C-alpha cells in the first residue's frame, strides 16, 4: 500500500496520481482517484482545491468509502 495515497484519501483529499502510483491498489480512474498520464496532465486533472469543493465533491466521498472498505483498521481485524 502506498501510504501517501491512502493517507490523502483517508482525509477526504481528492488524489491525482500516476498509473504506477495506483498500480495494484484497486482504485478506479475517475471513480475514487484521478490518474494523470503523462504527469504533465496533473494540472489538467486536478479539481479546484477550495474548502467547499474538497468537502463536497463526490470524488472525495468515494475515496473515503474506498479507504473505509479496503484500507481501514476494521478491515485488518
PDB file of N, CA and C in Angstrom:
ATOM      1  N   UNK A   1       0.849  -1.169   0.000  1.00  0.00           N
ATOM      2  CA  UNK A   1       0.000   0.000   0.000  1.00  0.00           C
ATOM      3  C   UNK A   1       0.889   1.224   0.000  1.00  0.00           C
ATOM      4  N   UNK A   2       0.607   2.102  -0.896  1.00  0.00           N
ATOM      5  CA  UNK A   2       1.367   3.339  -0.986  1.00  0.00           C
ATOM      6  C   UNK A   2       0.751   4.349  -0.019  1.00  0.00           C
ATOM      7  N   UNK A   3       1.480   4.657   1.031  1.00  0.00           N
ATOM      8  CA  UNK A   3       0.963   5.429   2.143  1.00  0.00           C
ATOM      9  C   UNK A   3       0.432   6.798   1.819  1.00  0.00           C
ATOM     10  N   UNK A   4       1.091   7.532   0.951  1.00  0.00           N
ATOM     11  CA  UNK A   4       0.664   8.907   0.682  1.00  0.00           C
ATOM     12  C   UNK A   4      -0.717   8.946   0.045  1.00  0.00           C
ATOM     13  N   UNK A   5      -0.996   8.022  -0.837  1.00  0.00           N
ATOM     14  CA  UNK A   5      -2.302   7.980  -1.493  1.00  0.00           C
ATOM     15  C   UNK A   5      -3.374   7.628  -0.479  1.00  0.00           C
ATOM     16  N   UNK A   6      -3.175   6.569   0.285  1.00  0.00           N
ATOM     17  CA  UNK A   6      -4.150   6.156   1.293  1.00  0.00           C
ATOM     18  C   UNK A   6      -4.374   7.216   2.355  1.00  0.00           C
ATOM     19  N   UNK A   7      -3.299   7.859   2.793  1.00  0.00           N
ATOM     20  CA  UNK A   7      -3.416   8.904   3.809  1.00  0.00           C
ATOM     21  C   UNK A   7      -4.224  10.078   3.274  1.00  0.00           C
ATOM     22  N   UNK A   8      -3.918  10.526   2.066  1.00  0.00           N
ATOM     23  CA  UNK A   8      -4.656  11.645   1.468  1.00  0.00           C
ATOM     24  C   UNK A   8      -6.135  11.306   1.345  1.00  0.00           C
ATOM     25  N   UNK A   9      -6.408  10.120   0.828  1.00  0.00           N
ATOM     26  CA  UNK A   9      -7.793   9.708   0.640  1.00  0.00           C
ATOM     27  C   UNK A   9      -8.521   9.591   1.975  1.00  0.00           C
ATOM     28  N   UNK A  10      -7.837   9.145   3.018  1.00  0.00           N
ATOM     29  CA  UNK A  10      -8.483   8.980   4.323  1.00  0.00           C
ATOM     30  C   UNK A  10      -8.866  10.317   4.952  1.00  0.00           C
ATOM     31  N   UNK A  11      -8.236  11.402   4.501  1.00  0.00           N
ATOM     32  CA  UNK A  11      -8.598  12.740   4.965  1.00  0.00           C
ATOM     33  C   UNK A  11      -9.607  13.403   4.041  1.00  0.00           C
ATOM     34  N   UNK A  12     -10.060  12.685   3.014  1.00  0.00           N
ATOM     35  CA  UNK A  12     -11.035  13.238   2.086  1.00  0.00           C
ATOM     36  C   UNK A  12     -10.453  14.183   1.079  1.00  0.00           C
ATOM     37  N   UNK A  13      -9.150  14.084   0.830  1.00  0.00           N
ATOM     38  CA  UNK A  13      -8.498  14.942  -0.141  1.00  0.00           C
ATOM     39  C   UNK A  13      -8.491  14.226  -1.492  1.00  0.00           C
ATOM     40  N   UNK A  14      -9.102  14.823  -2.519  1.00  0.00           N
ATOM     41  CA  UNK A  14      -9.062  14.195  -3.837  1.00  0.00           C
ATOM     42  C   UNK A  14      -7.613  14.000  -4.280  1.00  0.00           C
ATOM     43  N   UNK A  15      -7.321  12.853  -4.838  1.00  0.00           N
ATOM     44  CA  UNK A  15      -5.954  12.488  -5.194  1.00  0.00           C
ATOM     45  C   UNK A  15      -5.771  12.443  -6.703  1.00  0.00           C
ATOM     46  N   UNK A  16      -4.639  12.948  -7.156  1.00  0.00           N
ATOM     47  CA  UNK A  16      -4.197  12.796  -8.538  1.00  0.00           C
ATOM     48  C   UNK A  16      -2.866  12.072  -8.462  1.00  0.00           C
ATOM     49  N   UNK A  17      -2.731  10.974  -9.194  1.00  0.00           N
ATOM     50  CA  UNK A  17      -1.532  10.142  -9.103  1.00  0.00           C
ATOM     51  C   UNK A  17      -1.150   9.614 -10.481  1.00  0.00           C
ATOM     52  N   UNK A  18       0.030   9.027 -10.561  1.00  0.00           N
ATOM     53  CA  UNK A  18       0.444   8.357 -11.803  1.00  0.00           C
ATOM     54  C   UNK A  18      -0.143   6.957 -11.819  1.00  0.00           C
ATOM     55  N   UNK A  19      -0.150   6.349 -12.973  1.00  0.00           N
ATOM     56  CA  UNK A  19      -0.649   4.981 -13.084  1.00  0.00           C
ATOM     57  C   UNK A  19       0.217   4.019 -12.274  1.00  0.00           C
ATOM     58  N   UNK A  20       1.501   4.308 -12.174  1.00  0.00           N
ATOM     59  CA  UNK A  20       2.400   3.464 -11.367  1.00  0.00           C
ATOM     60  C   UNK A  20       2.046   3.591  -9.888  1.00  0.00           C
ATOM     61  N   UNK A  21       1.716   4.788  -9.434  1.00  0.00           N
ATOM     62  CA  UNK A  21       1.389   5.002  -8.023  1.00  0.00           C
ATOM     63  C   UNK A  21       0.136   4.248  -7.599  1.00  0.00           C
ATOM     64  N   UNK A  22      -0.828   4.091  -8.496  1.00  0.00           N
ATOM     65  CA  UNK A  22      -2.080   3.415  -8.132  1.00  0.00           C
ATOM     66  C   UNK A  22      -2.071   1.932  -8.484  1.00  0.00           C
ATOM     67  N   UNK A  23      -1.003   1.477  -9.095  1.00  0.00           N
ATOM     68  CA  UNK A  23      -0.910   0.084  -9.522  1.00  0.00           C
ATOM     69  C   UNK A  23      -1.120  -0.876  -8.345  1.00  0.00           C
ATOM     70  N   UNK A  24      -2.034  -1.796  -8.514  1.00  0.00           N
ATOM     71  CA  UNK A  24      -2.268  -2.832  -7.510  1.00  0.00           C
ATOM     72  C   UNK A  24      -3.119  -2.412  -6.333  1.00  0.00           C
ATOM     73  N   UNK A  25      -3.619  -1.176  -6.310  1.00  0.00           N
ATOM     74  CA  UNK A  25      -4.416  -0.716  -5.183  1.00  0.00           C
ATOM     75  C   UNK A  25      -5.913  -0.936  -5.372  1.00  0.00           C
ATOM     76  N   UNK A  26      -6.340  -1.230  -6.572  1.00  0.00           N
ATOM     77  CA  UNK A  26      -7.755  -1.439  -6.829  1.00  0.00           C
ATOM     78  C   UNK A  26      -8.549  -0.156  -7.010  1.00  0.00           C
ATOM     79  N   UNK A  27      -7.854   0.954  -7.170  1.00  0.00           N
ATOM     80  CA  UNK A  27      -8.525   2.232  -7.382  1.00  0.00           C
ATOM     81  C   UNK A  27      -8.959   2.353  -8.834  1.00  0.00           C
ATOM     82  N   UNK A  28     -10.029   3.102  -9.063  1.00  0.00           N
ATOM     83  CA  UNK A  28     -10.556   3.256 -10.421  1.00  0.00           C
ATOM     84  C   UNK A  28     -10.520   4.723 -10.844  1.00  0.00           C
ATOM     85  N   UNK A  29      -9.878   4.958 -11.973  1.00  0.00           N
ATOM     86  CA  UNK A  29      -9.759   6.293 -12.559  1.00  0.00           C
ATOM     87  C   UNK A  29     -11.132   6.945 -12.664  1.00  0.00           C
ATOM     88  N   UNK A  30     -11.231   8.161 -12.139  1.00  0.00           N
ATOM     89  CA  UNK A  30     -12.462   8.922 -12.224  1.00  0.00           C
ATOM     90  C   UNK A  30     -13.509   8.534 -11.206  1.00  0.00           C
ATOM     91  N   UNK A  31     -13.344   7.399 -10.549  1.00  0.00           N
ATOM     92  CA  UNK A  31     -14.316   6.980  -9.540  1.00  0.00           C
ATOM     93  C   UNK A  31     -13.869   7.381  -8.139  1.00  0.00           C
ATOM     94  N   UNK A  32     -12.619   7.025  -7.776  1.00  0.00           N
ATOM     95  CA  UNK A  32     -12.126   7.376  -6.454  1.00  0.00           C
ATOM     96  C   UNK A  32     -10.723   7.972  -6.488  1.00  0.00           C
ATOM     97  N   UNK A  33     -10.186   8.171  -7.684  1.00  0.00           N
ATOM     98  CA  UNK A  33      -8.878   8.805  -7.872  1.00  0.00           C
ATOM     99  C   UNK A  33      -8.816   9.365  -9.294  1.00  0.00           C
ATOM    100  N   UNK A  34      -7.950  10.332  -9.498  1.00  0.00           N
ATOM    101  CA  UNK A  34      -7.699  10.847 -10.839  1.00  0.00           C
ATOM    102  C   UNK A  34      -6.278  10.461 -11.218  1.00  0.00           C
ATOM    103  N   UNK A  35      -6.125   9.867 -12.379  1.00  0.00           N
ATOM    104  CA  UNK A  35      -4.811   9.438 -12.838  1.00  0.00           C
ATOM    105  C   UNK A  35      -4.355  10.386 -13.929  1.00  0.00           C
ATOM    106  N   UNK A  36      -3.206  11.040 -13.701  1.00  0.00           N
ATOM    107  CA  UNK A  36      -2.632  11.974 -14.664  1.00  0.00           C
ATOM    108  C   UNK A  36      -1.581  11.267 -15.499  1.00  0.00           C
ATOM    109  N   UNK A  37      -1.919  10.983 -16.746  1.00  0.00           N
ATOM    110  CA  UNK A  37      -0.987  10.311 -17.635  1.00  0.00           C
ATOM    111  C   UNK A  37      -0.873  11.160 -18.894  1.00  0.00           C
ATOM    112  N   UNK A  38       0.262  11.622 -19.288  1.00  0.00           N
ATOM    113  CA  UNK A  38       1.532  11.631 -18.566  1.00  0.00           C
ATOM    114  C   UNK A  38       1.473  12.613 -17.397  1.00  0.00           C
ATOM    115  N   UNK A  39       2.512  12.626 -16.577  1.00  0.00           N
ATOM    116  CA  UNK A  39       2.495  13.505 -15.405  1.00  0.00           C
ATOM    117  C   UNK A  39       2.199  14.974 -15.717  1.00  0.00           C
ATOM    118  N   UNK A  40       2.480  15.414 -16.934  1.00  0.00           N
ATOM    119  CA  UNK A  40       2.203  16.805 -17.300  1.00  0.00           C
ATOM    120  C   UNK A  40       0.702  17.107 -17.222  1.00  0.00           C
ATOM    121  N   UNK A  41      -0.131  16.081 -17.262  1.00  0.00           N
ATOM    122  CA  UNK A  41      -1.577  16.282 -17.233  1.00  0.00           C
ATOM    123  C   UNK A  41      -2.120  16.453 -15.812  1.00  0.00           C
ATOM    124  N   UNK A  42      -1.282  16.382 -14.799  1.00  0.00           N
ATOM    125  CA  UNK A  42      -1.755  16.525 -13.424  1.00  0.00           C
ATOM    126  C   UNK A  42      -2.556  17.799 -13.231  1.00  0.00           C
ATOM    127  N   UNK A  43      -2.041  18.906 -13.701  1.00  0.00           N
ATOM    128  CA  UNK A  43      -2.727  20.184 -13.520  1.00  0.00           C
ATOM    129  C   UNK A  43      -4.094  20.172 -14.195  1.00  0.00           C
ATOM    130  N   UNK A  44      -4.184  19.530 -15.328  1.00  0.00           N
ATOM    131  CA  UNK A  44      -5.456  19.452 -16.040  1.00  0.00           C
ATOM    132  C   UNK A  44      -6.447  18.563 -15.302  1.00  0.00           C
ATOM    133  N   UNK A  45      -5.976  17.509 -14.646  1.00  0.00           N
ATOM    134  CA  UNK A  45      -6.844  16.577 -13.941  1.00  0.00           C
ATOM    135  C   UNK A  45      -7.258  17.070 -12.567  1.00  0.00           C
ATOM    136  N   UNK A  46      -6.454  17.949 -11.980  1.00  0.00           N
ATOM    137  CA  UNK A  46      -6.699  18.367 -10.601  1.00  0.00           C
ATOM    138  C   UNK A  46      -7.959  19.205 -10.497  1.00  0.00           C
ATOM    139  N   UNK A  47      -8.849  18.826  -9.555  1.00  0.00           N
ATOM    140  CA  UNK A  47     -10.039  19.657  -9.321  1.00  0.00           C
ATOM    141  C   UNK A  47      -9.633  20.919  -8.577  1.00  0.00           C
ATOM    142  N   UNK A  48     -10.462  21.948  -8.611  1.00  0.00           N
ATOM    143  CA  UNK A  48     -10.132  23.146  -7.833  1.00  0.00           C
ATOM    144  C   UNK A  48     -10.162  22.803  -6.343  1.00  0.00           C
ATOM    145  N   UNK A  49      -9.065  23.087  -5.652  1.00  0.00           N
ATOM    146  CA  UNK A  49      -8.959  22.718  -4.245  1.00  0.00           C
ATOM    147  C   UNK A  49      -9.346  23.878  -3.345  1.00  0.00           C
ATOM    148  N   UNK A  50     -10.635  24.080  -3.204  1.00  0.00           N
ATOM    149  CA  UNK A  50     -11.143  25.052  -2.252  1.00  0.00           C
ATOM    150  C   UNK A  50     -11.844  24.251  -1.163  1.00  0.00           C
ATOM    151  N   UNK A  51     -11.997  24.811   0.025  1.00  0.00           N
ATOM    152  CA  UNK A  51     -12.668  24.047   1.087  1.00  0.00           C
ATOM    153  C   UNK A  51     -14.033  23.517   0.688  1.00  0.00           C
ATOM    154  N   UNK A  52     -14.799  24.299  -0.076  1.00  0.00           N
ATOM    155  CA  UNK A  52     -16.133  23.845  -0.480  1.00  0.00           C
ATOM    156  C   UNK A  52     -16.018  22.636  -1.399  1.00  0.00           C
ATOM    157  N   UNK A  53     -15.143  22.697  -2.392  1.00  0.00           N
ATOM    158  CA  UNK A  53     -15.014  21.586  -3.330  1.00  0.00           C
ATOM    159  C   UNK A  53     -14.387  20.359  -2.682  1.00  0.00           C
ATOM    160  N   UNK A  54     -13.414  20.541  -1.809  1.00  0.00           N
ATOM    161  CA  UNK A  54     -12.774  19.397  -1.175  1.00  0.00           C
ATOM    162  C   UNK A  54     -13.769  18.651  -0.305  1.00  0.00           C
ATOM    163  N   UNK A  55     -14.619  19.368   0.424  1.00  0.00           N
ATOM    164  CA  UNK A  55     -15.548  18.682   1.310  1.00  0.00           C
ATOM    165  C   UNK A  55     -16.821  18.246   0.594  1.00  0.00           C
ATOM    166  N   UNK A  56     -17.079  18.780  -0.591  1.00  0.00           N
ATOM    167  CA  UNK A  56     -18.339  18.490  -1.240  1.00  0.00           C
ATOM    168  C   UNK A  56     -18.275  17.657  -2.506  1.00  0.00           C
ATOM    169  N   UNK A  57     -17.095  17.324  -2.981  1.00  0.00           N
ATOM    170  CA  UNK A  57     -17.020  16.579  -4.234  1.00  0.00           C
ATOM    171  C   UNK A  57     -17.381  15.124  -4.014  1.00  0.00           C
ATOM    172  N   UNK A  58     -17.996  14.532  -4.995  1.00  0.00           N
ATOM    173  CA  UNK A  58     -18.318  13.115  -4.895  1.00  0.00           C
ATOM    174  C   UNK A  58     -17.051  12.269  -4.993  1.00  0.00           C
ATOM    175  N   UNK A  59     -16.010  12.783  -5.662  1.00  0.00           N
ATOM    176  CA  UNK A  59     -14.749  12.047  -5.768  1.00  0.00           C
ATOM    177  C   UNK A  59     -14.170  11.791  -4.383  1.00  0.00           C
ATOM    178  N   UNK A  60     -14.149  12.801  -3.527  1.00  0.00           N
ATOM    179  CA  UNK A  60     -13.561  12.592  -2.210  1.00  0.00           C
ATOM    180  C   UNK A  60     -14.435  11.682  -1.357  1.00  0.00           C
ATOM    181  N   UNK A  61     -15.738  11.737  -1.521  1.00  0.00           N
ATOM    182  CA  UNK A  61     -16.612  10.825  -0.772  1.00  0.00           C
ATOM    183  C   UNK A  61     -16.383   9.368  -1.198  1.00  0.00           C
ATOM    184  N   UNK A  62     -16.206   9.157  -2.496  1.00  0.00           N
ATOM    185  CA  UNK A  62     -15.934   7.794  -2.972  1.00  0.00           C
ATOM    186  C   UNK A  62     -14.556   7.335  -2.526  1.00  0.00           C
ATOM    187  N   UNK A  63     -13.596   8.262  -2.459  1.00  0.00           N
ATOM    188  CA  UNK A  63     -12.260   7.911  -1.961  1.00  0.00           C
ATOM    189  C   UNK A  63     -12.326   7.498  -0.496  1.00  0.00           C
ATOM    190  N   UNK A  64     -13.072   8.247   0.308  1.00  0.00           N
ATOM    191  CA  UNK A  64     -13.235   7.898   1.718  1.00  0.00           C
ATOM    192  C   UNK A  64     -13.906   6.530   1.866  1.00  0.00           C
ATOM    193  N   UNK A  65     -14.916   6.278   1.066  1.00  0.00           N
ATOM    194  CA  UNK A  65     -15.600   4.984   1.116  1.00  0.00           C
ATOM    195  C   UNK A  65     -14.650   3.853   0.747  1.00  0.00           C
ATOM    196  N   UNK A  66     -13.792   4.083  -0.240  1.00  0.00           N
ATOM    197  CA  UNK A  66     -12.818   3.075  -0.644  1.00  0.00           C
ATOM    198  C   UNK A  66     -11.864   2.766   0.508  1.00  0.00           C
ATOM    199  N   UNK A  67     -11.357   3.816   1.161  1.00  0.00           N
ATOM    200  CA  UNK A  67     -10.430   3.626   2.283  1.00  0.00           C
ATOM    201  C   UNK A  67     -11.112   2.850   3.401  1.00  0.00           C
ATOM    202  N   UNK A  68     -12.342   3.216   3.734  1.00  0.00           N
ATOM    203  CA  UNK A  68     -13.061   2.522   4.793  1.00  0.00           C
ATOM    204  C   UNK A  68     -13.298   1.057   4.454  1.00  0.00           C
ATOM    205  N   UNK A  69     -13.588   0.763   3.189  1.00  0.00           N
ATOM    206  CA  UNK A  69     -13.897  -0.604   2.781  1.00  0.00           C
ATOM    207  C   UNK A  69     -12.668  -1.485   2.580  1.00  0.00           C
ATOM    208  N   UNK A  70     -11.522  -0.873   2.226  1.00  0.00           N
ATOM    209  CA  UNK A  70     -10.361  -1.684   1.853  1.00  0.00           C
ATOM    210  C   UNK A  70      -9.110  -1.467   2.688  1.00  0.00           C
ATOM    211  N   UNK A  71      -8.979  -0.308   3.325  1.00  0.00           N
ATOM    212  CA  UNK A  71      -7.709   0.026   3.974  1.00  0.00           C
ATOM    213  C   UNK A  71      -7.839   0.398   5.448  1.00  0.00           C
ATOM    214  N   UNK A  72      -9.025   0.352   6.003  1.00  0.00           N
ATOM    215  CA  UNK A  72      -9.214   0.799   7.379  1.00  0.00           C
ATOM    216  C   UNK A  72      -8.768  -0.253   8.392  1.00  0.00           C
ATOM    217  N   UNK A  73      -8.676   0.162   9.635  1.00  0.00           N
ATOM    218  CA  UNK A  73      -8.297  -0.754  10.714  1.00  0.00           C
ATOM    219  C   UNK A  73      -9.320  -1.886  10.841  1.00  0.00           C
ATOM    220  N   UNK A  74     -10.602  -1.566  10.624  1.00  0.00           N
ATOM    221  CA  UNK A  74     -11.647  -2.581  10.728  1.00  0.00           C
ATOM    222  C   UNK A  74     -11.429  -3.725   9.745  1.00  0.00           C
ATOM    223  N   UNK A  75     -10.915  -3.417   8.579  1.00  0.00           N
ATOM    224  CA  UNK A  75     -10.648  -4.445   7.573  1.00  0.00           C
ATOM    225  C   UNK A  75      -9.559  -5.407   8.067  1.00  0.00           C
ATOM    226  N   UNK A  76      -8.610  -4.874   8.802  1.00  0.00           N
ATOM    227  CA  UNK A  76      -7.493  -5.692   9.289  1.00  0.00           C
ATOM    228  C   UNK A  76      -7.804  -6.512  10.527  1.00  0.00           C
ATOM    229  N   UNK A  77      -8.965  -6.302  11.126  1.00  0.00           N
ATOM    230  CA  UNK A  77      -9.294  -7.037  12.353  1.00  0.00           C
ATOM    231  C   UNK A  77      -9.695  -8.453  12.076  1.00  0.00           C
TER     232      UNK A  77
END
